[in-house]
Amino acid sequence: MNDPFTLILACAAGIALGAVFFGGLWWTIQRGASSPCPALLFLTSALVRMAIALVGFYLVAGGQLQRMMACLAGFLIARLAVTWLTREKQKEENHAP
């Protein structure tokens, strides 16, 4: 069943997965510099983020390519959104009064 509503839900799930993945990446980079063991932090974060994304994609797709593509589109939309939001935040932090 690949009606438009199902594909919209798959895209929304992809946005949520992407927000977790790329938001987690941003959080890890922010904390990595001050961590006593940054290698362990980066490795653990990467494994957890990849596991969440892969399991999420598997569950959302349900064996159907169209739902997988809709989820991937949402994931990429989240990537653009997180990139834009973190750039805006970084501009604010670097702005001199």
C-alpha atoms as a PDB file:
ATOM      1  CA  MET A   1       0.000   0.000   0.000  1.00  0.00           C
ATOM      2  CA  ASN A   2       1.790   3.127  -1.267  1.00  0.00           C
ATOM      3  CA  ASP A   3      -0.938   5.690  -1.085  1.00  0.00           C
ATOM      4  CA  PRO A   4       0.189   9.302  -0.646  1.00  0.00           C
ATOM      5  CA  PHE A   5      -0.617   9.342   3.092  1.00  0.00           C
ATOM      6  CA  THR A   6       1.694   6.392   3.730  1.00  0.00           C
ATOM      7  CA  LEU A   7       4.495   8.060   1.783  1.00  0.00           C
ATOM      8  CA  ILE A   8       4.002  11.311   3.713  1.00  0.00           C
ATOM      9  CA  LEU A   9       4.263   9.358   6.970  1.00  0.00           C
ATOM     10  CA  ALA A  10       7.432   7.675   5.696  1.00  0.00           C
ATOM     11  CA  CYS A  11       8.881  11.079   4.826  1.00  0.00           C
ATOM     12  CA  ALA A  12       7.978  12.399   8.292  1.00  0.00           C
ATOM     13  CA  ALA A  13       9.665   9.383   9.857  1.00  0.00           C
ATOM     14  CA  GLY A  14      12.742  10.118   7.737  1.00  0.00           C
ATOM     15  CA  ILE A  15      12.764  13.699   9.000  1.00  0.00           C
ATOM     16  CA  ALA A  16      12.619  12.423  12.579  1.00  0.00           C
ATOM     17  CA  LEU A  17      15.412   9.905  11.946  1.00  0.00           C
ATOM     18  CA  GLY A  18      17.525  12.569  10.266  1.00  0.00           C
ATOM     19  CA  ALA A  19      16.969  15.005  13.122  1.00  0.00           C
ATOM     20  CA  VAL A  20      18.144  12.387  15.612  1.00  0.00           C
ATOM     21  CA  PHE A  21      21.116  11.381  13.462  1.00  0.00           C
ATOM     22  CA  PHE A  22      22.405  14.828  12.511  1.00  0.00           C
ATOM     23  CA  GLY A  23      21.371  16.453  15.774  1.00  0.00           C
ATOM     24  CA  GLY A  24      23.306  13.723  17.566  1.00  0.00           C
ATOM     25  CA  LEU A  25      26.289  14.362  15.334  1.00  0.00           C
ATOM     26  CA  TRP A  26      26.201  18.061  16.136  1.00  0.00           C
ATOM     27  CA  TRP A  27      25.890  17.316  19.860  1.00  0.00           C
ATOM     28  CA  THR A  28      28.843  14.899  19.686  1.00  0.00           C
ATOM     29  CA  ILE A  29      31.047  17.448  17.940  1.00  0.00           C
ATOM     30  CA  GLN A  30      30.144  20.089  20.529  1.00  0.00           C
ATOM     31  CA  ARG A  31      31.021  17.750  23.416  1.00  0.00           C
ATOM     32  CA  GLY A  32      33.972  16.006  21.781  1.00  0.00           C
ATOM     33  CA  ALA A  33      36.475  18.790  22.229  1.00  0.00           C
ATOM     34  CA  SER A  34      36.024  18.912  25.996  1.00  0.00           C
ATOM     35  CA  SER A  35      35.622  15.180  26.549  1.00  0.00           C
ATOM     36  CA  PRO A  36      38.324  13.342  28.495  1.00  0.00           C
ATOM     37  CA  CYS A  37      38.097  10.480  25.993  1.00  0.00           C
ATOM     38  CA  PRO A  38      36.875  11.918  22.668  1.00  0.00           C
ATOM     39  CA  ALA A  39      37.605   8.784  20.640  1.00  0.00           C
ATOM     40  CA  LEU A  40      35.229   6.714  22.762  1.00  0.00           C
ATOM     41  CA  LEU A  41      32.576   9.430  22.563  1.00  0.00           C
ATOM     42  CA  PHE A  42      32.798   9.672  18.770  1.00  0.00           C
ATOM     43  CA  LEU A  43      32.823   5.892  18.276  1.00  0.00           C
ATOM     44  CA  THR A  44      29.889   5.295  20.603  1.00  0.00           C
ATOM     45  CA  SER A  45      27.916   8.151  19.087  1.00  0.00           C
ATOM     46  CA  ALA A  46      28.522   6.926  15.549  1.00  0.00           C
ATOM     47  CA  LEU A  47      27.463   3.378  16.379  1.00  0.00           C
ATOM     48  CA  VAL A  48      24.317   4.480  18.219  1.00  0.00           C
ATOM     49  CA  ARG A  49      23.302   6.973  15.522  1.00  0.00           C
ATOM     50  CA  MET A  50      23.859   4.446  12.720  1.00  0.00           C
ATOM     51  CA  ALA A  51      21.943   1.735  14.574  1.00  0.00           C
ATOM     52  CA  ILE A  52      18.977   4.045  15.155  1.00  0.00           C
ATOM     53  CA  ALA A  53      18.968   5.164  11.511  1.00  0.00           C
ATOM     54  CA  LEU A  54      19.300   1.655  10.067  1.00  0.00           C
ATOM     55  CA  VAL A  55      16.633   0.123  12.287  1.00  0.00           C
ATOM     56  CA  GLY A  56      14.360   3.088  11.599  1.00  0.00           C
ATOM     57  CA  PHE A  57      14.804   2.799   7.831  1.00  0.00           C
ATOM     58  CA  TYR A  58      14.184  -0.942   7.993  1.00  0.00           C
ATOM     59  CA  LEU A  59      10.974  -0.531   9.980  1.00  0.00           C
ATOM     60  CA  VAL A  60       9.659   2.367   7.905  1.00  0.00           C
ATOM     61  CA  ALA A  61      10.411   0.732   4.544  1.00  0.00           C
ATOM     62  CA  GLY A  62       8.670  -2.526   5.339  1.00  0.00           C
ATOM     63  CA  GLY A  63      10.187  -4.058   2.216  1.00  0.00           C
ATOM     64  CA  GLN A  64       8.817  -1.389  -0.139  1.00  0.00           C
ATOM     65  CA  LEU A  65      11.170   0.736  -2.198  1.00  0.00           C
ATOM     66  CA  GLN A  66       8.789   3.707  -2.440  1.00  0.00           C
ATOM     67  CA  ARG A  67       8.568   4.040   1.340  1.00  0.00           C
ATOM     68  CA  MET A  68      12.347   3.686   1.618  1.00  0.00           C
ATOM     69  CA  MET A  69      12.818   6.519  -0.881  1.00  0.00           C
ATOM     70  CA  ALA A  70      10.295   8.732   0.933  1.00  0.00           C
ATOM     71  CA  CYS A  71      12.112   8.066   4.210  1.00  0.00           C
ATOM     72  CA  LEU A  72      15.444   8.892   2.578  1.00  0.00           C
ATOM     73  CA  ALA A  73      14.004  12.143   1.212  1.00  0.00           C
ATOM     74  CA  GLY A  74      12.895  13.094   4.721  1.00  0.00           C
ATOM     75  CA  PHE A  75      16.319  12.152   6.098  1.00  0.00           C
ATOM     76  CA  LEU A  76      17.980  14.493   3.597  1.00  0.00           C
ATOM     77  CA  ILE A  77      15.505  17.274   4.398  1.00  0.00           C
ATOM     78  CA  ALA A  78      16.474  16.916   8.057  1.00  0.00           C
ATOM     79  CA  ARG A  79      20.143  17.119   7.086  1.00  0.00           C
ATOM     80  CA  LEU A  80      19.545  20.424   5.348  1.00  0.00           C
ATOM     81  CA  ALA A  81      17.497  21.723   8.282  1.00  0.00           C
ATOM     82  CA  VAL A  82      20.052  20.758  10.938  1.00  0.00           C
ATOM     83  CA  THR A  83      22.877  22.196   8.836  1.00  0.00           C
ATOM     84  CA  TRP A  84      20.996  25.472   8.424  1.00  0.00           C
ATOM     85  CA  LEU A  85      20.008  25.684  12.096  1.00  0.00           C
ATOM     86  CA  THR A  86      23.491  24.951  13.409  1.00  0.00           C
ATOM     87  CA  ARG A  87      25.046  27.491  11.025  1.00  0.00           C
ATOM     88  CA  GLU A  88      22.622  30.131  12.268  1.00  0.00           C
ATOM     89  CA  LYS A  89      23.460  29.246  15.869  1.00  0.00           C
ATOM     90  CA  GLN A  90      27.183  29.387  15.145  1.00  0.00           C
ATOM     91  CA  LYS A  91      26.816  32.795  13.465  1.00  0.00           C
ATOM     92  CA  GLU A  92      25.058  34.097  16.575  1.00  0.00           C
ATOM     93  CA  GLU A  93      27.810  32.761  18.854  1.00  0.00           C
ATOM     94  CA  ASN A  94      30.587  34.251  16.726  1.00  0.00           C
ATOM     95  CA  HIS A  95      28.883  37.609  16.330  1.00  0.00           C
ATOM     96  CA  ALA A  96      30.722  40.388  18.138  1.00  0.00           C
ATOM     97  CA  PRO A  97      28.535  42.802  20.127  1.00  0.00           C
END
